[in-house]
Amino acid sequence: MCYYTQQSASIEHLRRRFNAEIDNEETYLQSDFINGFAHPNIPIILNSTPHLITTDYTWGLLPGWAKDVEFRKNTLNARIESIDEKASFQNITHNRCLIIASAYYEWHWNDEKGKSKDKYQINSQDDEIFTFAGLYSSWTNPVSDEVKNTYTMVTTQANELMRYVHNHKMRMPIMLKRQDEAAWLDQSVKIEDFAFPYQGNLVAFPV
């Protein structure tokens, strides 16, 4: 699964890369190591507003029926093979977003129980800045009526490189080639069309 990323691009870099504006520069997240379990607001692009890079959504999806925010620790990722079967995601597959990154991190297990691990950083050799496929939703706290905007990262089976790096789970996030980003945001395109390992130029190195 994927729980740790990097988003090192400047605001101006993202404006040029996506031909889009930032909705709130004050909450713009730029970091070399981002922990999904801290539920950060990584910049994303919603299919409802493709001209805008938003910073108002946090990682870890809260479906409308969730009782409290603790639920989101279970929904950092969504497996594409079962996405239509899971109650957390089955009603929001039309709410698609691009999650912006410059790298992500996984751990290679050196033994059967993972007592010894090597951390790897994975980058795209095609694009300095790339995107992951995501889904988004809004949740209203049943006690305080506070609204939280959240998203999840969609994963698929690992490609050859990631089967070595992520040798325990053998999964990887759905990385989108630049030419496929518009198709992911188009809800008329079947979501299962993206259930394939990324075959672009990746590089992984221990850090």
N, C-alpha and C. Protein backbone atom coordinates (compact mmCIF):
# COMPACT_ATOMS: atom_id res chain seq x y z
N MET A 1 0.85 -1.18 0.00
CA MET A 1 0.00 0.00 0.00
C MET A 1 0.89 1.24 0.00
N CYS A 2 0.29 2.40 -0.14
CA CYS A 2 1.09 3.62 -0.20
C CYS A 2 0.59 4.61 0.84
N TYR A 3 1.45 4.92 1.80
CA TYR A 3 1.08 5.83 2.88
C TYR A 3 2.04 7.00 3.03
N TYR A 4 3.10 7.03 2.25
CA TYR A 4 4.12 8.06 2.43
C TYR A 4 4.54 8.62 1.06
N THR A 5 4.50 9.92 0.93
CA THR A 5 4.82 10.55 -0.34
C THR A 5 5.75 11.76 -0.14
N GLN A 6 6.05 12.37 -1.25
CA GLN A 6 6.82 13.63 -1.27
C GLN A 6 6.13 14.58 -2.23
N GLN A 7 6.07 15.85 -1.83
CA GLN A 7 5.53 16.88 -2.71
C GLN A 7 6.44 18.10 -2.57
N SER A 8 7.46 18.15 -3.42
CA SER A 8 8.52 19.15 -3.26
C SER A 8 8.37 20.34 -4.21
N ALA A 9 7.34 20.33 -5.05
CA ALA A 9 7.20 21.38 -6.07
C ALA A 9 6.71 22.69 -5.46
N SER A 10 7.18 23.77 -6.02
CA SER A 10 6.73 25.09 -5.61
C SER A 10 5.35 25.38 -6.21
N ILE A 11 4.71 26.40 -5.68
CA ILE A 11 3.41 26.81 -6.20
C ILE A 11 3.52 27.18 -7.67
N GLU A 12 4.54 27.92 -8.02
CA GLU A 12 4.69 28.35 -9.41
C GLU A 12 4.91 27.16 -10.34
N HIS A 13 5.66 26.17 -9.86
CA HIS A 13 5.90 24.96 -10.66
C HIS A 13 4.58 24.26 -10.96
N LEU A 14 3.73 24.13 -9.94
CA LEU A 14 2.46 23.45 -10.16
C LEU A 14 1.54 24.26 -11.06
N ARG A 15 1.56 25.56 -10.95
CA ARG A 15 0.75 26.40 -11.85
C ARG A 15 1.10 26.12 -13.30
N ARG A 16 2.39 26.02 -13.58
CA ARG A 16 2.83 25.78 -14.95
C ARG A 16 2.52 24.35 -15.38
N ARG A 17 2.76 23.40 -14.49
CA ARG A 17 2.58 21.98 -14.83
C ARG A 17 1.12 21.67 -15.16
N PHE A 18 0.18 22.24 -14.39
CA PHE A 18 -1.23 21.88 -14.56
C PHE A 18 -2.07 23.00 -15.17
N ASN A 19 -1.43 24.12 -15.48
CA ASN A 19 -2.17 25.27 -16.02
C ASN A 19 -3.38 25.56 -15.14
N ALA A 20 -3.14 25.66 -13.84
CA ALA A 20 -4.20 25.83 -12.86
C ALA A 20 -3.73 26.76 -11.75
N GLU A 21 -4.68 27.34 -11.04
CA GLU A 21 -4.38 28.22 -9.92
C GLU A 21 -4.50 27.48 -8.60
N ILE A 22 -3.85 27.99 -7.56
CA ILE A 22 -3.93 27.44 -6.20
C ILE A 22 -5.07 28.14 -5.46
N ASP A 23 -5.91 27.37 -4.78
CA ASP A 23 -7.04 28.02 -4.11
C ASP A 23 -6.64 28.75 -2.83
N ASN A 24 -5.58 28.28 -2.13
CA ASN A 24 -5.16 28.93 -0.89
C ASN A 24 -3.66 28.71 -0.69
N GLU A 25 -2.88 29.72 -0.99
CA GLU A 25 -1.43 29.60 -0.88
C GLU A 25 -0.97 29.43 0.57
N GLU A 26 -1.74 29.92 1.52
CA GLU A 26 -1.34 29.86 2.93
C GLU A 26 -1.36 28.44 3.47
N THR A 27 -2.17 27.57 2.90
CA THR A 27 -2.24 26.19 3.38
C THR A 27 -1.58 25.21 2.40
N TYR A 28 -0.77 25.72 1.49
CA TYR A 28 -0.10 24.89 0.49
C TYR A 28 0.97 24.03 1.16
N LEU A 29 0.92 22.72 0.93
CA LEU A 29 1.85 21.78 1.55
C LEU A 29 2.97 21.41 0.60
N GLN A 30 4.20 21.64 1.06
CA GLN A 30 5.41 21.30 0.32
C GLN A 30 6.35 20.62 1.30
N SER A 31 6.66 19.33 1.06
CA SER A 31 7.45 18.58 2.04
C SER A 31 8.17 17.43 1.36
N ASP A 32 9.37 17.10 1.87
CA ASP A 32 10.14 15.98 1.33
C ASP A 32 9.63 14.64 1.84
N PHE A 33 8.91 14.63 2.95
CA PHE A 33 8.37 13.38 3.48
C PHE A 33 7.01 13.65 4.11
N ILE A 34 5.98 13.04 3.54
CA ILE A 34 4.60 13.26 3.98
C ILE A 34 4.04 11.93 4.49
N ASN A 35 3.57 11.94 5.72
CA ASN A 35 3.02 10.76 6.38
C ASN A 35 1.50 10.77 6.25
N GLY A 36 0.95 9.80 5.54
CA GLY A 36 -0.49 9.76 5.34
C GLY A 36 -1.28 9.64 6.63
N PHE A 37 -0.70 9.00 7.65
CA PHE A 37 -1.42 8.81 8.90
C PHE A 37 -1.56 10.10 9.70
N ALA A 38 -0.86 11.16 9.26
CA ALA A 38 -1.07 12.48 9.85
C ALA A 38 -2.20 13.22 9.13
N HIS A 39 -2.77 12.59 8.11
CA HIS A 39 -3.89 13.12 7.34
C HIS A 39 -3.60 14.53 6.78
N PRO A 40 -2.54 14.62 5.97
CA PRO A 40 -2.13 15.92 5.43
C PRO A 40 -3.02 16.38 4.28
N ASN A 41 -2.89 17.64 3.97
CA ASN A 41 -3.67 18.24 2.87
C ASN A 41 -2.78 18.39 1.64
N ILE A 42 -2.33 17.27 1.09
CA ILE A 42 -1.55 17.30 -0.15
C ILE A 42 -2.38 17.98 -1.23
N PRO A 43 -1.79 18.85 -2.05
CA PRO A 43 -2.55 19.50 -3.13
C PRO A 43 -3.15 18.47 -4.09
N ILE A 44 -4.43 18.66 -4.43
CA ILE A 44 -5.11 17.77 -5.36
C ILE A 44 -5.91 18.60 -6.36
N ILE A 45 -6.32 17.93 -7.43
CA ILE A 45 -7.18 18.55 -8.44
C ILE A 45 -8.44 17.72 -8.57
N LEU A 46 -9.59 18.33 -8.35
CA LEU A 46 -10.88 17.65 -8.42
C LEU A 46 -11.41 17.66 -9.85
N ASN A 47 -12.16 16.61 -10.20
CA ASN A 47 -12.75 16.63 -11.55
C ASN A 47 -13.86 17.67 -11.66
N SER A 48 -14.37 18.15 -10.55
CA SER A 48 -15.39 19.20 -10.58
C SER A 48 -14.80 20.58 -10.83
N THR A 49 -13.50 20.75 -10.52
CA THR A 49 -12.83 22.05 -10.73
C THR A 49 -11.41 21.81 -11.26
N PRO A 50 -11.27 21.31 -12.49
CA PRO A 50 -9.96 20.96 -13.01
C PRO A 50 -9.02 22.14 -13.22
N HIS A 51 -9.55 23.35 -13.16
CA HIS A 51 -8.74 24.55 -13.34
C HIS A 51 -8.13 25.00 -12.02
N LEU A 52 -8.38 24.26 -10.93
CA LEU A 52 -7.99 24.70 -9.60
C LEU A 52 -7.22 23.59 -8.87
N ILE A 53 -6.13 23.98 -8.23
CA ILE A 53 -5.40 23.08 -7.34
C ILE A 53 -5.85 23.41 -5.93
N THR A 54 -6.50 22.45 -5.28
CA THR A 54 -7.08 22.73 -3.98
C THR A 54 -6.23 22.18 -2.84
N THR A 55 -6.21 22.89 -1.73
CA THR A 55 -5.46 22.49 -0.54
C THR A 55 -6.41 22.23 0.63
N ASP A 56 -7.68 22.07 0.34
CA ASP A 56 -8.71 21.96 1.38
C ASP A 56 -9.17 20.53 1.62
N TYR A 57 -8.43 19.53 1.12
CA TYR A 57 -8.80 18.13 1.29
C TYR A 57 -7.67 17.40 1.99
N THR A 58 -8.01 16.54 2.94
CA THR A 58 -7.01 15.80 3.69
C THR A 58 -7.06 14.33 3.36
N TRP A 59 -5.92 13.66 3.52
CA TRP A 59 -5.73 12.27 3.12
C TRP A 59 -6.36 11.32 4.15
N GLY A 60 -7.20 10.43 3.68
CA GLY A 60 -7.93 9.49 4.54
C GLY A 60 -9.41 9.75 4.40
N LEU A 61 -10.07 9.01 3.52
CA LEU A 61 -11.44 9.35 3.13
C LEU A 61 -12.45 9.03 4.22
N LEU A 62 -13.35 9.98 4.46
CA LEU A 62 -14.46 9.79 5.39
C LEU A 62 -15.76 9.68 4.60
N PRO A 63 -16.33 8.47 4.49
CA PRO A 63 -17.63 8.35 3.82
C PRO A 63 -18.70 9.05 4.65
N GLY A 64 -19.80 9.40 4.02
CA GLY A 64 -20.84 10.17 4.68
C GLY A 64 -21.39 9.51 5.92
N TRP A 65 -21.33 8.17 6.00
CA TRP A 65 -21.91 7.44 7.13
C TRP A 65 -20.93 7.19 8.26
N ALA A 66 -19.68 7.63 8.13
CA ALA A 66 -18.68 7.41 9.19
C ALA A 66 -19.12 8.10 10.48
N LYS A 67 -18.90 7.45 11.61
CA LYS A 67 -19.33 8.00 12.89
C LYS A 67 -18.37 9.04 13.45
N ASP A 68 -17.08 8.89 13.14
CA ASP A 68 -16.10 9.85 13.64
C ASP A 68 -14.88 9.86 12.72
N VAL A 69 -13.97 10.81 12.96
CA VAL A 69 -12.81 11.01 12.08
C VAL A 69 -11.79 9.88 12.18
N GLU A 70 -11.85 9.07 13.24
CA GLU A 70 -10.89 7.98 13.38
C GLU A 70 -11.02 6.96 12.25
N PHE A 71 -12.16 6.94 11.60
CA PHE A 71 -12.38 5.98 10.52
C PHE A 71 -11.38 6.15 9.40
N ARG A 72 -10.89 7.37 9.18
CA ARG A 72 -10.07 7.65 8.00
C ARG A 72 -8.71 6.97 8.01
N LYS A 73 -8.27 6.47 9.16
CA LYS A 73 -7.01 5.73 9.17
C LYS A 73 -7.11 4.44 8.35
N ASN A 74 -8.35 4.00 8.10
CA ASN A 74 -8.57 2.78 7.32
C ASN A 74 -8.72 3.02 5.83
N THR A 75 -8.79 4.29 5.42
CA THR A 75 -9.13 4.59 4.03
C THR A 75 -8.10 5.51 3.37
N LEU A 76 -6.84 5.37 3.76
CA LEU A 76 -5.79 6.10 3.05
C LEU A 76 -5.68 5.59 1.62
N ASN A 77 -5.92 4.28 1.46
CA ASN A 77 -5.86 3.64 0.14
C ASN A 77 -7.17 2.95 -0.18
N ALA A 78 -7.42 2.78 -1.48
CA ALA A 78 -8.59 2.03 -1.96
C ALA A 78 -8.12 1.09 -3.05
N ARG A 79 -8.34 -0.20 -2.88
CA ARG A 79 -7.93 -1.19 -3.87
C ARG A 79 -8.88 -1.12 -5.07
N ILE A 80 -8.33 -0.92 -6.25
CA ILE A 80 -9.17 -0.72 -7.43
C ILE A 80 -9.96 -2.00 -7.78
N GLU A 81 -9.42 -3.16 -7.45
CA GLU A 81 -10.09 -4.40 -7.81
C GLU A 81 -11.42 -4.59 -7.06
N SER A 82 -11.54 -3.98 -5.88
CA SER A 82 -12.75 -4.16 -5.07
C SER A 82 -13.45 -2.84 -4.76
N ILE A 83 -13.12 -1.81 -5.50
CA ILE A 83 -13.60 -0.47 -5.17
C ILE A 83 -15.12 -0.36 -5.27
N ASP A 84 -15.73 -1.11 -6.18
CA ASP A 84 -17.19 -1.07 -6.34
C ASP A 84 -17.92 -1.90 -5.29
N GLU A 85 -17.17 -2.68 -4.51
CA GLU A 85 -17.78 -3.55 -3.51
C GLU A 85 -17.68 -2.97 -2.10
N LYS A 86 -16.79 -2.03 -1.89
CA LYS A 86 -16.54 -1.47 -0.56
C LYS A 86 -17.49 -0.31 -0.29
N ALA A 87 -18.16 -0.37 0.84
CA ALA A 87 -19.13 0.67 1.19
C ALA A 87 -18.49 2.05 1.27
N SER A 88 -17.23 2.11 1.63
CA SER A 88 -16.55 3.41 1.76
C SER A 88 -16.41 4.13 0.43
N PHE A 89 -16.35 3.36 -0.68
CA PHE A 89 -16.00 3.95 -1.97
C PHE A 89 -17.06 3.77 -3.06
N GLN A 90 -17.94 2.80 -2.93
CA GLN A 90 -18.78 2.41 -4.05
C GLN A 90 -19.71 3.52 -4.54
N ASN A 91 -20.03 4.48 -3.69
CA ASN A 91 -20.94 5.55 -4.11
C ASN A 91 -20.22 6.83 -4.55
N ILE A 92 -18.88 6.80 -4.56
CA ILE A 92 -18.15 8.03 -4.92
C ILE A 92 -17.15 7.81 -6.05
N THR A 93 -17.30 6.73 -6.80
CA THR A 93 -16.32 6.46 -7.86
C THR A 93 -16.36 7.51 -8.96
N HIS A 94 -17.41 8.34 -8.98
CA HIS A 94 -17.47 9.43 -9.95
C HIS A 94 -16.74 10.67 -9.43
N ASN A 95 -16.40 10.70 -8.14
CA ASN A 95 -15.67 11.83 -7.54
C ASN A 95 -14.17 11.55 -7.65
N ARG A 96 -13.59 11.93 -8.76
CA ARG A 96 -12.19 11.58 -9.02
C ARG A 96 -11.28 12.79 -8.88
N CYS A 97 -10.06 12.52 -8.44
CA CYS A 97 -9.10 13.61 -8.27
C CYS A 97 -7.70 13.14 -8.62
N LEU A 98 -6.83 14.11 -8.85
CA LEU A 98 -5.41 13.88 -9.06
C LEU A 98 -4.67 14.27 -7.80
N ILE A 99 -3.90 13.36 -7.23
CA ILE A 99 -3.09 13.64 -6.04
C ILE A 99 -1.68 13.94 -6.51
N ILE A 100 -1.19 15.11 -6.20
CA ILE A 100 0.07 15.59 -6.76
C ILE A 100 1.26 15.13 -5.91
N ALA A 101 2.34 14.68 -6.58
CA ALA A 101 3.52 14.19 -5.87
C ALA A 101 4.77 14.36 -6.71
N SER A 102 5.91 14.30 -6.02
CA SER A 102 7.20 14.27 -6.71
C SER A 102 7.93 12.95 -6.44
N ALA A 103 7.43 12.17 -5.46
CA ALA A 103 8.00 10.86 -5.15
C ALA A 103 7.07 10.17 -4.15
N TYR A 104 7.31 8.87 -3.94
CA TYR A 104 6.67 8.20 -2.82
C TYR A 104 7.65 7.17 -2.25
N TYR A 105 7.27 6.58 -1.11
CA TYR A 105 8.19 5.72 -0.37
C TYR A 105 7.53 4.38 -0.06
N GLU A 106 8.34 3.32 -0.16
CA GLU A 106 7.91 2.00 0.27
C GLU A 106 9.10 1.30 0.93
N TRP A 107 8.80 0.21 1.63
CA TRP A 107 9.81 -0.54 2.36
C TRP A 107 9.92 -1.96 1.82
N HIS A 108 11.16 -2.37 1.59
CA HIS A 108 11.47 -3.74 1.17
C HIS A 108 11.76 -4.57 2.41
N TRP A 109 11.04 -5.69 2.55
CA TRP A 109 11.26 -6.57 3.70
C TRP A 109 12.44 -7.50 3.41
N ASN A 110 13.40 -7.53 4.34
CA ASN A 110 14.56 -8.39 4.19
C ASN A 110 14.38 -9.75 4.85
N ASP A 111 13.28 -9.91 5.59
CA ASP A 111 12.98 -11.19 6.21
C ASP A 111 11.46 -11.37 6.20
N GLU A 112 11.02 -12.57 6.54
CA GLU A 112 9.61 -12.93 6.39
C GLU A 112 8.68 -12.07 7.23
N LYS A 113 9.12 -11.62 8.40
CA LYS A 113 8.26 -10.87 9.30
C LYS A 113 8.51 -9.36 9.25
N GLY A 114 9.42 -8.93 8.39
CA GLY A 114 9.67 -7.51 8.24
C GLY A 114 10.41 -6.88 9.41
N LYS A 115 11.18 -7.68 10.15
CA LYS A 115 11.95 -7.10 11.26
C LYS A 115 13.12 -6.26 10.75
N SER A 116 13.58 -6.61 9.57
CA SER A 116 14.62 -5.82 8.90
C SER A 116 14.04 -5.27 7.59
N LYS A 117 14.10 -3.95 7.40
CA LYS A 117 13.51 -3.34 6.22
C LYS A 117 14.45 -2.30 5.63
N ASP A 118 14.34 -2.10 4.31
CA ASP A 118 15.05 -1.03 3.63
C ASP A 118 14.04 -0.08 3.03
N LYS A 119 14.21 1.19 3.28
CA LYS A 119 13.30 2.22 2.77
C LYS A 119 13.76 2.65 1.38
N TYR A 120 12.80 2.73 0.44
CA TYR A 120 13.08 3.15 -0.93
C TYR A 120 12.27 4.39 -1.29
N GLN A 121 12.90 5.25 -2.05
CA GLN A 121 12.19 6.39 -2.66
C GLN A 121 11.95 6.08 -4.12
N ILE A 122 10.73 6.28 -4.58
CA ILE A 122 10.35 5.97 -5.96
C ILE A 122 10.01 7.26 -6.69
N ASN A 123 10.66 7.48 -7.80
CA ASN A 123 10.44 8.67 -8.64
C ASN A 123 10.08 8.25 -10.06
N SER A 124 9.41 9.16 -10.76
CA SER A 124 9.15 8.98 -12.18
C SER A 124 10.29 9.61 -12.97
N GLN A 125 10.80 8.88 -13.95
CA GLN A 125 11.81 9.47 -14.83
C GLN A 125 11.17 10.20 -16.00
N ASP A 126 9.84 10.09 -16.13
CA ASP A 126 9.13 10.78 -17.20
C ASP A 126 8.74 12.20 -16.79
N ASP A 127 8.31 12.35 -15.53
CA ASP A 127 7.82 13.65 -15.06
C ASP A 127 8.36 13.94 -13.67
N GLU A 128 8.94 15.11 -13.50
CA GLU A 128 9.41 15.51 -12.17
C GLU A 128 8.25 15.59 -11.19
N ILE A 129 7.11 16.09 -11.67
CA ILE A 129 5.88 16.11 -10.90
C ILE A 129 4.89 15.18 -11.59
N PHE A 130 4.28 14.27 -10.83
CA PHE A 130 3.32 13.33 -11.40
C PHE A 130 2.08 13.30 -10.51
N THR A 131 1.12 12.44 -10.85
CA THR A 131 -0.10 12.36 -10.06
C THR A 131 -0.50 10.91 -9.81
N PHE A 132 -1.19 10.72 -8.69
CA PHE A 132 -1.83 9.45 -8.37
C PHE A 132 -3.33 9.59 -8.60
N ALA A 133 -3.98 8.48 -8.92
CA ALA A 133 -5.43 8.45 -9.03
C ALA A 133 -6.04 8.48 -7.63
N GLY A 134 -7.05 9.34 -7.43
CA GLY A 134 -7.70 9.43 -6.14
C GLY A 134 -9.20 9.60 -6.26
N LEU A 135 -9.89 9.38 -5.14
CA LEU A 135 -11.32 9.65 -5.01
C LEU A 135 -11.52 10.59 -3.83
N TYR A 136 -12.54 11.42 -3.89
CA TYR A 136 -12.75 12.39 -2.82
C TYR A 136 -14.20 12.40 -2.35
N SER A 137 -14.40 12.97 -1.16
CA SER A 137 -15.73 13.06 -0.58
C SER A 137 -15.74 14.15 0.48
N SER A 138 -16.93 14.53 0.91
CA SER A 138 -17.11 15.47 2.02
C SER A 138 -17.93 14.79 3.11
N TRP A 139 -17.57 15.05 4.36
CA TRP A 139 -18.19 14.41 5.51
C TRP A 139 -18.60 15.47 6.52
N THR A 140 -19.77 15.32 7.09
CA THR A 140 -20.25 16.24 8.11
C THR A 140 -20.23 15.56 9.47
N ASN A 141 -19.53 16.16 10.42
CA ASN A 141 -19.46 15.63 11.77
C ASN A 141 -20.87 15.61 12.38
N PRO A 142 -21.36 14.44 12.79
CA PRO A 142 -22.74 14.38 13.30
C PRO A 142 -22.96 15.11 14.62
N VAL A 143 -21.86 15.45 15.30
CA VAL A 143 -21.97 16.15 16.58
C VAL A 143 -21.84 17.66 16.42
N SER A 144 -20.79 18.09 15.68
CA SER A 144 -20.51 19.52 15.58
C SER A 144 -20.96 20.16 14.28
N ASP A 145 -21.37 19.34 13.30
CA ASP A 145 -21.75 19.82 11.96
C ASP A 145 -20.56 20.36 11.18
N GLU A 146 -19.35 20.16 11.68
CA GLU A 146 -18.16 20.56 10.94
C GLU A 146 -18.02 19.70 9.69
N VAL A 147 -17.67 20.33 8.56
CA VAL A 147 -17.51 19.62 7.30
C VAL A 147 -16.02 19.37 7.05
N LYS A 148 -15.67 18.12 6.73
CA LYS A 148 -14.30 17.78 6.37
C LYS A 148 -14.28 17.24 4.95
N ASN A 149 -13.39 17.77 4.14
CA ASN A 149 -13.17 17.29 2.79
C ASN A 149 -11.99 16.32 2.80
N THR A 150 -12.18 15.13 2.24
CA THR A 150 -11.15 14.10 2.33
C THR A 150 -10.99 13.35 1.01
N TYR A 151 -9.91 12.59 0.90
CA TYR A 151 -9.66 11.80 -0.31
C TYR A 151 -8.92 10.52 0.03
N THR A 152 -8.92 9.59 -0.91
CA THR A 152 -8.17 8.34 -0.79
C THR A 152 -7.34 8.13 -2.05
N MET A 153 -6.26 7.38 -1.93
CA MET A 153 -5.39 7.05 -3.06
C MET A 153 -5.73 5.65 -3.56
N VAL A 154 -5.94 5.50 -4.86
CA VAL A 154 -6.33 4.21 -5.43
C VAL A 154 -5.07 3.41 -5.78
N THR A 155 -5.09 2.12 -5.41
CA THR A 155 -3.93 1.26 -5.64
C THR A 155 -4.27 0.11 -6.57
N THR A 156 -3.21 -0.51 -7.11
CA THR A 156 -3.35 -1.65 -8.02
C THR A 156 -2.22 -2.63 -7.77
N GLN A 157 -2.16 -3.69 -8.55
CA GLN A 157 -1.08 -4.65 -8.42
C GLN A 157 0.25 -4.00 -8.81
N ALA A 158 1.30 -4.45 -8.18
CA ALA A 158 2.62 -3.86 -8.42
C ALA A 158 3.18 -4.28 -9.77
N ASN A 159 3.95 -3.39 -10.38
CA ASN A 159 4.69 -3.77 -11.59
C ASN A 159 5.97 -4.50 -11.17
N GLU A 160 6.80 -4.84 -12.13
CA GLU A 160 7.98 -5.66 -11.83
C GLU A 160 8.89 -5.00 -10.80
N LEU A 161 9.17 -3.71 -10.97
CA LEU A 161 10.03 -3.00 -10.04
C LEU A 161 9.44 -2.99 -8.64
N MET A 162 8.15 -2.67 -8.55
CA MET A 162 7.53 -2.54 -7.24
C MET A 162 7.25 -3.89 -6.58
N ARG A 163 7.20 -4.96 -7.35
CA ARG A 163 7.11 -6.28 -6.72
C ARG A 163 8.38 -6.59 -5.94
N TYR A 164 9.50 -6.04 -6.41
CA TYR A 164 10.75 -6.21 -5.65
C TYR A 164 10.77 -5.27 -4.45
N VAL A 165 10.48 -3.99 -4.68
CA VAL A 165 10.56 -3.02 -3.59
C VAL A 165 9.53 -3.33 -2.51
N HIS A 166 8.28 -3.47 -2.90
CA HIS A 166 7.18 -3.67 -1.96
C HIS A 166 6.85 -5.16 -1.92
N ASN A 167 7.84 -5.95 -1.55
CA ASN A 167 7.75 -7.41 -1.70
C ASN A 167 6.83 -8.06 -0.67
N HIS A 168 6.33 -7.32 0.30
CA HIS A 168 5.40 -7.88 1.28
C HIS A 168 3.97 -7.84 0.75
N LYS A 169 3.48 -6.68 0.35
CA LYS A 169 2.11 -6.54 -0.14
C LYS A 169 2.01 -6.64 -1.66
N MET A 170 3.10 -6.29 -2.35
CA MET A 170 3.13 -6.28 -3.81
C MET A 170 2.00 -5.43 -4.40
N ARG A 171 1.87 -4.23 -3.88
CA ARG A 171 0.89 -3.26 -4.36
C ARG A 171 1.63 -1.98 -4.72
N MET A 172 0.95 -1.13 -5.48
CA MET A 172 1.49 0.19 -5.78
C MET A 172 0.33 1.14 -6.05
N PRO A 173 0.53 2.44 -5.81
CA PRO A 173 -0.51 3.41 -6.16
C PRO A 173 -0.66 3.49 -7.67
N ILE A 174 -1.85 3.84 -8.13
CA ILE A 174 -2.05 4.05 -9.56
C ILE A 174 -1.43 5.38 -9.94
N MET A 175 -0.27 5.31 -10.55
CA MET A 175 0.40 6.50 -11.08
C MET A 175 -0.16 6.75 -12.48
N LEU A 176 -0.50 7.98 -12.73
CA LEU A 176 -1.08 8.33 -14.02
C LEU A 176 -0.04 8.98 -14.91
N LYS A 177 0.08 8.46 -16.13
CA LYS A 177 0.90 9.17 -17.11
C LYS A 177 0.21 10.49 -17.44
N ARG A 178 0.99 11.46 -17.82
CA ARG A 178 0.43 12.79 -18.04
C ARG A 178 -0.73 12.75 -19.04
N GLN A 179 -0.61 11.91 -20.06
CA GLN A 179 -1.65 11.86 -21.09
C GLN A 179 -2.91 11.16 -20.60
N ASP A 180 -2.85 10.50 -19.42
CA ASP A 180 -4.01 9.79 -18.89
C ASP A 180 -4.73 10.56 -17.78
N GLU A 181 -4.20 11.70 -17.39
CA GLU A 181 -4.79 12.44 -16.27
C GLU A 181 -6.21 12.92 -16.59
N ALA A 182 -6.41 13.43 -17.78
CA ALA A 182 -7.75 13.91 -18.15
C ALA A 182 -8.74 12.76 -18.19
N ALA A 183 -8.29 11.59 -18.64
CA ALA A 183 -9.18 10.43 -18.70
C ALA A 183 -9.60 9.99 -17.30
N TRP A 184 -8.67 10.03 -16.35
CA TRP A 184 -9.05 9.67 -14.98
C TRP A 184 -10.10 10.63 -14.43
N LEU A 185 -9.99 11.89 -14.73
CA LEU A 185 -10.95 12.88 -14.23
C LEU A 185 -12.30 12.78 -14.94
N ASP A 186 -12.34 12.09 -16.05
CA ASP A 186 -13.58 11.94 -16.82
C ASP A 186 -14.38 10.77 -16.26
N GLN A 187 -15.46 11.04 -15.54
CA GLN A 187 -16.21 9.98 -14.88
C GLN A 187 -16.91 9.04 -15.86
N SER A 188 -16.96 9.39 -17.15
CA SER A 188 -17.55 8.48 -18.13
C SER A 188 -16.59 7.36 -18.51
N VAL A 189 -15.31 7.52 -18.17
CA VAL A 189 -14.33 6.47 -18.42
C VAL A 189 -14.41 5.46 -17.29
N LYS A 190 -14.52 4.18 -17.62
CA LYS A 190 -14.67 3.15 -16.60
C LYS A 190 -13.45 3.09 -15.69
N ILE A 191 -13.72 3.01 -14.40
CA ILE A 191 -12.63 3.02 -13.43
C ILE A 191 -11.74 1.79 -13.57
N GLU A 192 -12.33 0.67 -13.98
CA GLU A 192 -11.53 -0.55 -14.12
C GLU A 192 -10.51 -0.46 -15.26
N ASP A 193 -10.68 0.52 -16.15
CA ASP A 193 -9.71 0.71 -17.22
C ASP A 193 -8.33 1.10 -16.68
N PHE A 194 -8.29 1.52 -15.41
CA PHE A 194 -7.02 1.97 -14.83
C PHE A 194 -6.40 0.92 -13.92
N ALA A 195 -6.98 -0.28 -13.90
CA ALA A 195 -6.49 -1.35 -13.03
C ALA A 195 -5.33 -2.08 -13.68
N PHE A 196 -4.28 -1.36 -13.95
CA PHE A 196 -3.10 -1.96 -14.55
C PHE A 196 -1.87 -1.36 -13.90
N PRO A 197 -0.79 -2.14 -13.78
CA PRO A 197 0.43 -1.59 -13.21
C PRO A 197 1.04 -0.52 -14.11
N TYR A 198 1.59 0.49 -13.50
CA TYR A 198 2.24 1.57 -14.24
C TYR A 198 3.47 1.03 -14.96
N GLN A 199 3.55 1.28 -16.25
CA GLN A 199 4.67 0.77 -17.04
C GLN A 199 5.56 1.91 -17.56
N GLY A 200 5.46 3.07 -16.94
CA GLY A 200 6.34 4.17 -17.30
C GLY A 200 7.73 3.95 -16.73
N ASN A 201 8.56 4.96 -16.83
CA ASN A 201 9.94 4.86 -16.37
C ASN A 201 10.05 5.26 -14.91
N LEU A 202 10.16 4.28 -14.03
CA LEU A 202 10.32 4.53 -12.62
C LEU A 202 11.76 4.23 -12.19
N VAL A 203 12.17 4.90 -11.15
CA VAL A 203 13.46 4.59 -10.53
C VAL A 203 13.24 4.51 -9.03
N ALA A 204 13.84 3.52 -8.40
CA ALA A 204 13.72 3.33 -6.95
C ALA A 204 15.13 3.20 -6.37
N PHE A 205 15.39 3.93 -5.30
CA PHE A 205 16.70 3.85 -4.68
C PHE A 205 16.58 3.92 -3.17
N PRO A 206 17.44 3.20 -2.45
CA PRO A 206 17.36 3.20 -1.00
C PRO A 206 17.72 4.57 -0.41
N VAL A 207 17.02 4.96 0.64
CA VAL A 207 17.28 6.25 1.30
C VAL A 207 17.38 6.05 2.80
